[in-house]
Amino acid sequence: MRRFFKLLLRAIRGEEEDFTSGPIRRSIFLLAVPMILEMVMESLFALVDVFFVSRVGTDAIAVVGLTEVVLMTIESLALGIAMAATAMVSRRIGAQNRRGAREAAVQTIFLGLLISVPLGVCCWFGAEWILELMGGSPELIRQGSAYTRIILSFNGLLFFLFILNAIFRGAGNAAIAMRVLWLANGLNIVLDPCLILGLGPFPELGVTGAAVATCIGRGTGVLYQLYALFYGKKSLVKLSRADFKWVSSTIWKLSRVAFTGAWQFLIAVASWLFLVRIISSFGSQPLAGYTIAIRILIFTILPAWGMANAASTLVGQNLGARKPERAEKAVWLTGFYNMVFLTSVSILIFILAPWIMHFFTEDQVVHAEGMRGLRIMCLGYIAYGYGMVVSSSFNGAGDTKTPMWINLVCFWMIQIPLAYVLAHPAGLEATGTYWAIAISETVLAVVAVYIFRLGRWKLVQI
């Protein structure tokens, strides 16, 4: 037990480690612990945010749900770049090429600026149109346009939270990434009730207050990231002004991986967008129940993504060190641990769903819809535990094309048509979309594991 706590403390501190040698379970533990803690705070924020927004009203929850779908589309671009950054940086760290890792990090920053700034300008002027396109009522648009404008216009903060943390993870500095999100989301959690409900000297901004709190928290996190990159003693990728040079060849390699990585997530998000559009056709109450259920599921899934991110870093670094067998073993072990975790969580959610929903809403229709969504969607967790680790491992190897094609088949050819058929012709309404999610996620996991076993990801060069 003493040895366990000593190792736990080492993981949280983020001391420099070589993840290409030594016991694999130890490497998984040292990387996964800070990544899981990082995602725990991210999921806690998502839960707290919707808790306080729910105190404003059903339309406020629906505004968050509609905006979140659009934000997830923007996140897809950021995640694509972040994915490429992790793959490229981890390969170079594994090959003991720190100069190459710094070069990859800088080109990632350039790429993030080129995309996030124009997007922010467009979203500032198009907030009302976005909500209308998503099926929002005139009253919902009036109440929520300020929230949508602020969250989407300052998407650059989200971009750099993802991108810079991806650099830290690729280098094996998972503890720095953990501290960034604990700072950003911790501040957000504190400011949420103050700005939403108007506690003390703070103005009562309603749902708009949630957007302001989020931007302040994210902005603070980005400042900490920049400090760690330029002045941090524990960062394996430490930048200086001399590193900020445009390198076309690296930008091109990064863009190729990022492009298919972004499409990988855009395909998934577009599917969710269609699902939200289907659910919104049944009114604000089913949409509010779905929004709460999704936030609760995010709370449970994000820690599992911490383990998936650990597998991604291990794959990248070990391929860089020319140890593909060690990379593969790390994936199978991490996938098993993740499956056990998510299966346990699924059982708890299924049993406690009524009580959990009572904590967030007193509206009986919203409660019933959210409870039904929780119980059905969590059924896909058992397979998803393995699937998310394997998909992340493809990305860590720089093979973002394979998960992109898997997502295209499972989400656009299975999930969307199935959701529509079950919701409308079959008459299951929103419940049909929940079943479509559980079924398609299970199929995705089976397909991903089959393709991973073929081993072609070991041959990818970036």
Protein backbone atom coordinates (compact mmCIF):
# COMPACT_ATOMS: atom_id res chain seq x y z
CA MET A 1 0.00 0.00 0.00
CA ARG A 2 2.86 2.36 0.83
CA ARG A 3 4.40 1.64 -2.58
CA PHE A 4 1.07 2.41 -4.27
CA PHE A 5 0.74 5.82 -2.63
CA LYS A 6 4.36 6.60 -3.44
CA LEU A 7 3.69 5.83 -7.11
CA LEU A 8 0.43 7.81 -6.99
CA LEU A 9 2.27 10.86 -5.66
CA ARG A 10 4.89 10.48 -8.38
CA ALA A 11 2.17 10.42 -11.05
CA ILE A 12 0.50 13.57 -9.67
CA ARG A 13 3.80 15.44 -9.40
CA GLY A 14 4.63 14.60 -12.99
CA GLU A 15 8.28 13.71 -12.64
CA GLU A 16 10.16 12.95 -15.86
CA GLU A 17 9.74 9.32 -16.94
CA ASP A 18 10.79 7.04 -19.79
CA PHE A 19 7.59 5.37 -20.97
CA THR A 20 9.38 3.26 -23.58
CA SER A 21 10.96 0.92 -21.03
CA GLY A 22 10.16 -0.73 -17.71
CA PRO A 23 6.90 -2.39 -16.58
CA ILE A 24 3.97 -1.46 -18.85
CA ARG A 25 1.48 -1.42 -15.97
CA ARG A 26 3.64 1.17 -14.21
CA SER A 27 3.76 3.32 -17.37
CA ILE A 28 -0.02 3.08 -17.77
CA PHE A 29 -0.52 4.06 -14.14
CA LEU A 30 1.87 7.04 -14.23
CA LEU A 31 0.24 8.42 -17.37
CA ALA A 32 -3.37 7.48 -16.67
CA VAL A 33 -3.64 8.88 -13.11
CA PRO A 34 -3.10 12.56 -14.00
CA MET A 35 -5.12 12.16 -17.21
CA ILE A 36 -8.02 10.61 -15.30
CA LEU A 37 -7.86 13.36 -12.65
CA GLU A 38 -7.76 15.92 -15.45
CA MET A 39 -10.90 14.45 -16.98
CA VAL A 40 -12.62 14.11 -13.59
CA MET A 41 -12.42 17.88 -13.20
CA GLU A 42 -13.64 18.38 -16.78
CA SER A 43 -16.62 16.11 -16.13
CA LEU A 44 -17.31 17.73 -12.75
CA PHE A 45 -17.43 21.11 -14.45
CA ALA A 46 -19.92 19.84 -17.05
CA LEU A 47 -22.16 18.54 -14.26
CA VAL A 48 -21.94 21.66 -12.06
CA ASP A 49 -22.53 23.91 -15.05
CA VAL A 50 -25.78 22.24 -16.06
CA PHE A 51 -26.86 22.07 -12.39
CA PHE A 52 -26.78 25.86 -11.99
CA VAL A 53 -28.12 26.52 -15.49
CA SER A 54 -31.08 24.26 -14.67
CA ARG A 55 -31.99 26.73 -11.90
CA VAL A 56 -32.66 29.34 -14.59
CA GLY A 57 -35.23 27.25 -16.48
CA THR A 58 -35.93 24.65 -19.14
CA ASP A 59 -35.17 27.02 -22.03
CA ALA A 60 -31.79 27.83 -20.49
CA ILE A 61 -30.89 24.13 -20.41
CA ALA A 62 -32.07 23.77 -24.00
CA VAL A 63 -29.88 26.74 -25.06
CA VAL A 64 -26.84 25.03 -23.54
CA GLY A 65 -27.76 21.80 -25.32
CA LEU A 66 -28.16 23.45 -28.74
CA THR A 67 -25.01 25.56 -28.37
CA GLU A 68 -23.04 22.58 -27.17
CA VAL A 69 -23.73 20.68 -30.38
CA VAL A 70 -22.33 23.57 -32.45
CA LEU A 71 -19.42 23.94 -30.04
CA MET A 72 -18.68 20.26 -30.46
CA THR A 73 -18.36 20.88 -34.20
CA ILE A 74 -15.74 23.53 -33.48
CA GLU A 75 -14.14 21.24 -30.90
CA SER A 76 -13.73 18.66 -33.64
CA LEU A 77 -11.31 20.96 -35.44
CA ALA A 78 -9.40 21.60 -32.22
CA LEU A 79 -9.33 17.90 -31.37
CA GLY A 80 -8.06 17.05 -34.85
CA ILE A 81 -5.11 19.41 -34.39
CA ALA A 82 -4.61 18.23 -30.81
CA MET A 83 -4.60 14.63 -31.98
CA ALA A 84 -1.94 15.40 -34.58
CA ALA A 85 0.10 17.27 -31.96
CA THR A 86 0.05 14.32 -29.54
CA ALA A 87 1.04 11.86 -32.28
CA MET A 88 3.85 14.01 -33.66
CA VAL A 89 5.27 15.17 -30.32
CA SER A 90 5.11 11.70 -28.73
CA ARG A 91 6.91 10.12 -31.72
CA ARG A 92 9.74 12.63 -31.44
CA ILE A 93 10.01 12.35 -27.66
CA GLY A 94 10.13 8.54 -28.01
CA ALA A 95 12.93 8.95 -30.56
CA GLN A 96 14.80 11.35 -28.19
CA ASN A 97 14.34 14.23 -30.68
CA ARG A 98 13.34 17.18 -28.48
CA ARG A 99 14.13 19.78 -31.12
CA GLY A 100 11.67 18.05 -33.46
CA ALA A 101 9.10 17.98 -30.65
CA ARG A 102 9.46 21.75 -30.15
CA GLU A 103 9.08 22.33 -33.88
CA ALA A 104 5.89 20.25 -33.97
CA ALA A 105 4.51 22.16 -30.97
CA VAL A 106 5.06 25.58 -32.57
CA GLN A 107 3.50 24.57 -35.90
CA THR A 108 0.50 23.30 -33.94
CA ILE A 109 0.09 26.73 -32.35
CA PHE A 110 0.25 28.41 -35.77
CA LEU A 111 -2.39 26.07 -37.15
CA GLY A 112 -4.67 26.71 -34.16
CA LEU A 113 -4.51 30.48 -34.67
CA LEU A 114 -5.26 30.21 -38.39
CA ILE A 115 -8.51 28.35 -37.69
CA SER A 116 -9.84 29.71 -34.38
CA VAL A 117 -9.67 33.46 -35.08
CA PRO A 118 -11.83 33.53 -38.27
CA LEU A 119 -14.28 31.10 -36.65
CA GLY A 120 -14.67 33.39 -33.65
CA VAL A 121 -15.49 36.39 -35.82
CA CYS A 122 -18.14 34.46 -37.77
CA CYS A 123 -19.80 33.16 -34.59
CA TRP A 124 -19.96 36.64 -33.05
CA PHE A 125 -22.21 37.88 -35.85
CA GLY A 126 -24.16 34.65 -36.41
CA ALA A 127 -25.27 33.59 -32.91
CA GLU A 128 -29.03 34.12 -33.43
CA TRP A 129 -28.94 32.44 -36.84
CA ILE A 130 -27.15 29.41 -35.34
CA LEU A 131 -29.84 28.92 -32.68
CA GLU A 132 -32.60 29.35 -35.26
CA LEU A 133 -30.95 26.80 -37.54
CA MET A 134 -30.80 24.35 -34.62
CA GLY A 135 -34.56 24.62 -34.13
CA GLY A 136 -34.65 27.04 -31.18
CA SER A 137 -37.92 28.89 -30.49
CA PRO A 138 -38.03 32.73 -30.68
CA GLU A 139 -38.13 32.94 -26.86
CA LEU A 140 -35.20 30.54 -26.53
CA ILE A 141 -33.18 32.61 -29.03
CA ARG A 142 -34.00 35.83 -27.17
CA GLN A 143 -32.93 34.37 -23.85
CA GLY A 144 -29.88 32.45 -25.02
CA SER A 145 -28.25 34.33 -27.92
CA ALA A 146 -25.77 36.11 -25.62
CA TYR A 147 -24.66 32.76 -24.17
CA THR A 148 -24.18 31.30 -27.63
CA ARG A 149 -22.32 34.40 -28.90
CA ILE A 150 -19.82 34.44 -26.01
CA ILE A 151 -19.13 30.69 -25.91
CA LEU A 152 -18.65 30.31 -29.66
CA SER A 153 -16.82 33.58 -30.33
CA PHE A 154 -14.16 32.81 -27.74
CA ASN A 155 -13.61 29.33 -29.15
CA GLY A 156 -9.89 30.15 -29.42
CA LEU A 157 -9.56 29.60 -25.67
CA LEU A 158 -10.97 26.10 -26.07
CA PHE A 159 -8.70 25.51 -29.06
CA PHE A 160 -5.58 26.27 -27.08
CA LEU A 161 -6.66 24.38 -23.98
CA PHE A 162 -6.92 21.29 -26.19
CA ILE A 163 -3.88 21.93 -28.37
CA LEU A 164 -1.39 22.90 -25.68
CA ASN A 165 -2.53 20.10 -23.37
CA ALA A 166 -2.08 17.69 -26.29
CA ILE A 167 1.53 18.84 -26.54
CA PHE A 168 2.07 18.18 -22.83
CA ARG A 169 0.44 14.74 -23.08
CA GLY A 170 2.49 13.78 -26.12
CA ALA A 171 5.64 14.67 -24.22
CA GLY A 172 4.49 12.57 -21.25
CA ASN A 173 3.84 15.69 -19.09
CA ALA A 174 0.34 14.55 -18.18
CA ALA A 175 0.55 16.20 -14.74
CA ILE A 176 0.89 19.67 -16.32
CA ALA A 177 -2.20 19.07 -18.47
CA MET A 178 -4.01 17.94 -15.32
CA ARG A 179 -3.13 21.12 -13.42
CA VAL A 180 -4.27 23.27 -16.35
CA LEU A 181 -7.79 21.82 -16.38
CA TRP A 182 -8.04 21.80 -12.60
CA LEU A 183 -7.23 25.51 -12.59
CA ALA A 184 -9.50 26.41 -15.53
CA ASN A 185 -12.49 24.33 -14.47
CA GLY A 186 -12.04 24.95 -10.75
CA LEU A 187 -12.30 28.69 -11.36
CA ASN A 188 -15.27 28.08 -13.64
CA ILE A 189 -17.08 26.06 -10.97
CA VAL A 190 -16.56 28.83 -8.40
CA LEU A 191 -17.75 31.58 -10.76
CA ASP A 192 -20.78 29.66 -12.12
CA PRO A 193 -23.18 30.23 -9.19
CA CYS A 194 -21.86 33.76 -8.67
CA LEU A 195 -22.53 34.92 -12.23
CA ILE A 196 -25.58 32.77 -13.03
CA LEU A 197 -27.51 33.43 -9.81
CA GLY A 198 -25.95 36.79 -8.85
CA LEU A 199 -24.43 35.86 -5.51
CA GLY A 200 -22.91 38.66 -3.40
CA PRO A 201 -21.53 41.56 -5.45
CA PHE A 202 -21.82 39.66 -8.75
CA PRO A 203 -24.53 40.56 -11.29
CA GLU A 204 -27.28 38.02 -12.01
CA LEU A 205 -26.63 37.13 -15.65
CA GLY A 206 -28.64 33.93 -15.91
CA VAL A 207 -27.45 31.50 -18.57
CA THR A 208 -25.12 34.22 -19.96
CA GLY A 209 -23.21 34.06 -16.67
CA ALA A 210 -22.28 30.46 -17.43
CA ALA A 211 -20.60 31.60 -20.66
CA VAL A 212 -18.70 34.41 -18.92
CA ALA A 213 -17.50 32.06 -16.17
CA THR A 214 -16.39 29.49 -18.75
CA CYS A 215 -14.34 32.03 -20.72
CA ILE A 216 -12.66 33.42 -17.60
CA GLY A 217 -11.72 29.90 -16.47
CA ARG A 218 -10.45 28.84 -19.89
CA GLY A 219 -8.52 32.06 -20.36
CA THR A 220 -6.74 31.56 -17.05
CA GLY A 221 -5.91 27.98 -18.02
CA VAL A 222 -4.36 29.09 -21.33
CA LEU A 223 -2.18 31.65 -19.54
CA TYR A 224 -0.91 28.89 -17.24
CA GLN A 225 -0.20 26.67 -20.27
CA LEU A 226 1.87 29.37 -21.95
CA TYR A 227 3.82 29.94 -18.75
CA ALA A 228 4.56 26.20 -18.49
CA LEU A 229 5.66 26.01 -22.14
CA PHE A 230 8.05 28.94 -21.89
CA TYR A 231 9.21 28.88 -18.26
CA GLY A 232 8.08 25.57 -16.71
CA LYS A 233 10.89 23.52 -15.19
CA LYS A 234 9.14 20.15 -15.66
CA SER A 235 8.03 20.60 -19.27
CA LEU A 236 9.87 18.30 -21.68
CA VAL A 237 8.86 20.63 -24.51
CA LYS A 238 10.18 24.06 -23.54
CA LEU A 239 9.76 26.84 -26.11
CA SER A 240 11.61 30.09 -26.76
CA ARG A 241 11.13 32.92 -29.25
CA ALA A 242 13.72 31.35 -31.54
CA ASP A 243 11.41 28.32 -32.00
CA PHE A 244 8.64 30.39 -33.58
CA LYS A 245 9.47 29.83 -37.23
CA TRP A 246 7.05 28.69 -39.92
CA VAL A 247 8.14 25.24 -41.17
CA SER A 248 6.05 24.34 -44.21
CA SER A 249 7.00 20.65 -44.28
CA THR A 250 5.98 20.13 -40.64
CA ILE A 251 2.79 22.17 -41.10
CA TRP A 252 1.91 19.96 -44.08
CA LYS A 253 2.46 16.71 -42.13
CA LEU A 254 0.56 18.10 -39.16
CA SER A 255 -2.31 19.28 -41.35
CA ARG A 256 -2.71 15.90 -43.04
CA VAL A 257 -3.05 14.10 -39.70
CA ALA A 258 -5.19 16.90 -38.24
CA PHE A 259 -7.51 16.99 -41.26
CA THR A 260 -8.56 13.36 -41.03
CA GLY A 261 -8.56 13.64 -37.24
CA ALA A 262 -10.93 16.60 -37.41
CA TRP A 263 -13.16 14.74 -39.87
CA GLN A 264 -13.16 11.83 -37.46
CA PHE A 265 -14.78 14.03 -34.83
CA LEU A 266 -16.85 16.10 -37.27
CA ILE A 267 -18.49 12.91 -38.49
CA ALA A 268 -19.33 11.99 -34.90
CA VAL A 269 -20.53 15.49 -34.02
CA ALA A 270 -22.63 15.79 -37.17
CA SER A 271 -24.33 12.61 -36.09
CA TRP A 272 -25.03 14.11 -32.66
CA LEU A 273 -26.31 17.26 -34.37
CA PHE A 274 -28.86 15.19 -36.30
CA LEU A 275 -29.84 13.41 -33.10
CA VAL A 276 -30.40 16.71 -31.27
CA ARG A 277 -32.43 17.97 -34.25
CA ILE A 278 -34.60 14.85 -34.04
CA ILE A 279 -35.07 15.25 -30.28
CA SER A 280 -35.79 19.00 -30.50
CA SER A 281 -38.71 18.23 -32.83
CA PHE A 282 -40.50 16.75 -29.81
CA GLY A 283 -40.18 19.98 -27.74
CA SER A 284 -37.96 21.68 -25.15
CA GLN A 285 -38.68 19.18 -22.36
CA PRO A 286 -37.29 16.07 -24.12
CA LEU A 287 -34.34 18.20 -25.27
CA ALA A 288 -33.71 19.38 -21.70
CA GLY A 289 -33.89 15.80 -20.39
CA TYR A 290 -31.46 14.66 -23.07
CA THR A 291 -29.08 17.57 -22.27
CA ILE A 292 -28.98 16.67 -18.57
CA ALA A 293 -28.52 12.97 -19.34
CA ILE A 294 -25.64 13.70 -21.72
CA ARG A 295 -23.90 15.89 -19.13
CA ILE A 296 -24.20 13.09 -16.57
CA LEU A 297 -22.82 10.56 -19.06
CA ILE A 298 -19.96 12.94 -19.88
CA PHE A 299 -19.21 13.05 -16.15
CA THR A 300 -18.70 9.28 -16.18
CA ILE A 301 -17.07 8.88 -19.61
CA LEU A 302 -14.41 11.60 -19.39
CA PRO A 303 -12.33 9.81 -16.71
CA ALA A 304 -12.31 6.81 -19.06
CA TRP A 305 -10.97 9.10 -21.78
CA GLY A 306 -8.06 9.73 -19.43
CA MET A 307 -7.07 6.09 -19.81
CA ALA A 308 -7.63 6.27 -23.57
CA ASN A 309 -5.32 9.32 -23.77
CA ALA A 310 -2.69 7.43 -21.78
CA ALA A 311 -2.81 4.62 -24.34
CA SER A 312 -2.44 7.16 -27.16
CA THR A 313 0.74 8.62 -25.64
CA LEU A 314 2.20 5.16 -24.97
CA VAL A 315 1.56 4.10 -28.56
CA GLY A 316 3.18 7.23 -29.99
CA GLN A 317 6.26 7.14 -27.79
CA ASN A 318 6.86 3.40 -28.19
CA LEU A 319 6.45 3.54 -31.95
CA GLY A 320 8.96 6.40 -31.93
CA ALA A 321 11.31 4.15 -29.94
CA ARG A 322 10.62 1.32 -32.46
CA LYS A 323 8.86 -0.90 -29.94
CA PRO A 324 5.50 -1.73 -31.61
CA GLU A 325 4.93 -4.89 -29.55
CA ARG A 326 5.16 -2.89 -26.32
CA ALA A 327 2.73 -0.33 -27.78
CA GLU A 328 0.21 -3.06 -28.63
CA LYS A 329 0.44 -4.67 -25.19
CA ALA A 330 -0.18 -1.28 -23.57
CA VAL A 331 -3.38 -0.88 -25.60
CA TRP A 332 -4.84 -4.28 -24.64
CA LEU A 333 -4.08 -3.75 -20.95
CA THR A 334 -5.51 -0.21 -20.89
CA GLY A 335 -8.59 -1.34 -22.82
CA PHE A 336 -9.28 -4.09 -20.29
CA TYR A 337 -8.96 -1.69 -17.33
CA ASN A 338 -11.24 0.78 -19.08
CA MET A 339 -13.87 -1.85 -19.83
CA VAL A 340 -13.99 -2.94 -16.18
CA PHE A 341 -14.34 0.69 -15.06
CA LEU A 342 -17.13 1.61 -17.48
CA THR A 343 -19.05 -1.62 -16.86
CA SER A 344 -19.10 -0.81 -13.13
CA VAL A 345 -20.23 2.75 -13.86
CA SER A 346 -22.97 1.51 -16.20
CA ILE A 347 -24.44 -0.70 -13.48
CA LEU A 348 -24.50 2.20 -11.01
CA ILE A 349 -26.12 4.58 -13.51
CA PHE A 350 -28.82 2.07 -14.39
CA ILE A 351 -29.73 1.58 -10.72
CA LEU A 352 -29.43 5.22 -9.58
CA ALA A 353 -30.88 6.97 -12.66
CA PRO A 354 -34.14 8.14 -10.96
CA TRP A 355 -32.32 9.64 -7.98
CA ILE A 356 -29.67 11.27 -10.19
CA MET A 357 -32.29 13.02 -12.33
CA HIS A 358 -34.21 14.24 -9.27
CA PHE A 359 -31.04 16.10 -8.28
CA PHE A 360 -31.17 18.17 -11.48
CA THR A 361 -34.85 18.81 -12.21
CA GLU A 362 -38.32 18.75 -10.66
CA ASP A 363 -40.07 18.77 -14.04
CA GLN A 364 -41.62 15.32 -14.33
CA VAL A 365 -41.39 15.13 -18.13
CA VAL A 366 -37.74 16.24 -18.15
CA HIS A 367 -37.01 13.79 -15.31
CA ALA A 368 -38.62 10.83 -17.09
CA GLU A 369 -36.91 11.62 -20.39
CA GLY A 370 -33.48 12.02 -18.81
CA MET A 371 -33.84 8.85 -16.74
CA ARG A 372 -34.81 6.84 -19.80
CA GLY A 373 -31.88 8.27 -21.75
CA LEU A 374 -29.40 7.45 -18.99
CA ARG A 375 -30.50 3.85 -18.69
CA ILE A 376 -30.51 3.11 -22.40
CA MET A 377 -27.34 4.95 -23.45
CA CYS A 378 -25.20 3.51 -20.65
CA LEU A 379 -25.83 0.01 -22.05
CA GLY A 380 -23.21 0.76 -24.69
CA TYR A 381 -20.54 1.37 -22.03
CA ILE A 382 -19.37 -2.25 -21.82
CA ALA A 383 -18.12 -2.35 -25.40
CA TYR A 384 -17.22 1.32 -25.45
CA GLY A 385 -14.57 0.81 -22.76
CA TYR A 386 -12.43 -1.09 -25.25
CA GLY A 387 -13.55 0.89 -28.30
CA MET A 388 -12.50 4.31 -27.03
CA VAL A 389 -9.02 3.06 -26.06
CA VAL A 390 -8.45 1.36 -29.41
CA SER A 391 -9.67 4.40 -31.41
CA SER A 392 -7.43 6.68 -29.37
CA SER A 393 -4.50 4.33 -30.01
CA PHE A 394 -4.94 4.62 -33.78
CA ASN A 395 -4.70 8.37 -33.33
CA GLY A 396 -1.61 8.07 -31.15
CA ALA A 397 0.05 6.17 -33.98
CA GLY A 398 -0.84 8.99 -36.39
CA ASP A 399 -3.42 6.82 -38.16
CA THR A 400 -6.40 9.17 -37.99
CA LYS A 401 -7.91 7.81 -41.23
CA THR A 402 -9.00 4.46 -39.79
CA PRO A 403 -11.13 5.92 -36.95
CA MET A 404 -12.54 8.43 -39.45
CA TRP A 405 -13.86 5.66 -41.71
CA ILE A 406 -15.11 3.65 -38.73
CA ASN A 407 -17.03 6.71 -37.49
CA LEU A 408 -18.45 7.34 -40.96
CA VAL A 409 -19.91 3.85 -41.16
CA CYS A 410 -21.09 3.52 -37.56
CA PHE A 411 -22.53 7.02 -37.13
CA TRP A 412 -23.78 8.12 -40.55
CA MET A 413 -24.73 4.74 -42.00
CA ILE A 414 -26.04 3.15 -38.80
CA GLN A 415 -26.73 5.67 -36.03
CA ILE A 416 -28.53 8.47 -37.93
CA PRO A 417 -30.84 6.29 -40.09
CA LEU A 418 -31.60 4.03 -37.13
CA ALA A 419 -32.39 7.00 -34.86
CA TYR A 420 -34.78 8.50 -37.41
CA VAL A 421 -36.57 5.22 -38.06
CA LEU A 422 -36.96 4.43 -34.38
CA ALA A 423 -38.02 7.98 -33.44
CA HIS A 424 -40.57 8.64 -36.20
CA PRO A 425 -41.84 5.65 -38.21
CA ALA A 426 -41.49 3.31 -35.21
CA GLY A 427 -43.04 5.94 -32.92
CA LEU A 428 -40.47 5.71 -30.10
CA GLU A 429 -39.77 9.47 -30.30
CA ALA A 430 -36.66 10.54 -28.30
CA THR A 431 -36.30 7.03 -26.87
CA GLY A 432 -35.46 5.79 -30.36
CA THR A 433 -32.41 8.03 -30.52
CA TYR A 434 -31.13 6.63 -27.21
CA TRP A 435 -31.32 3.08 -28.56
CA ALA A 436 -29.58 4.16 -31.78
CA ILE A 437 -26.70 5.59 -29.72
CA ALA A 438 -26.22 2.44 -27.63
CA ILE A 439 -26.35 0.12 -30.66
CA SER A 440 -24.03 2.15 -32.90
CA GLU A 441 -21.41 2.64 -30.16
CA THR A 442 -21.31 -1.11 -29.57
CA VAL A 443 -20.86 -1.81 -33.29
CA LEU A 444 -18.07 0.81 -33.40
CA ALA A 445 -16.15 -0.90 -30.60
CA VAL A 446 -16.33 -4.32 -32.28
CA VAL A 447 -15.16 -2.95 -35.64
CA ALA A 448 -12.31 -0.92 -34.07
CA VAL A 449 -10.95 -3.92 -32.15
CA TYR A 450 -11.06 -6.10 -35.28
CA ILE A 451 -9.12 -3.59 -37.40
CA PHE A 452 -6.61 -2.92 -34.61
CA ARG A 453 -5.76 -6.62 -34.48
CA LEU A 454 -4.70 -6.46 -38.15
CA GLY A 455 -1.71 -4.36 -37.04
CA ARG A 456 -1.47 -1.93 -39.96
CA TRP A 457 -1.27 1.03 -37.55
CA LYS A 458 2.29 -0.08 -36.65
CA LEU A 459 3.49 0.89 -40.14
CA VAL A 460 2.26 4.52 -40.14
CA GLN A 461 4.99 7.15 -40.56
CA ILE A 462 4.60 10.82 -39.53
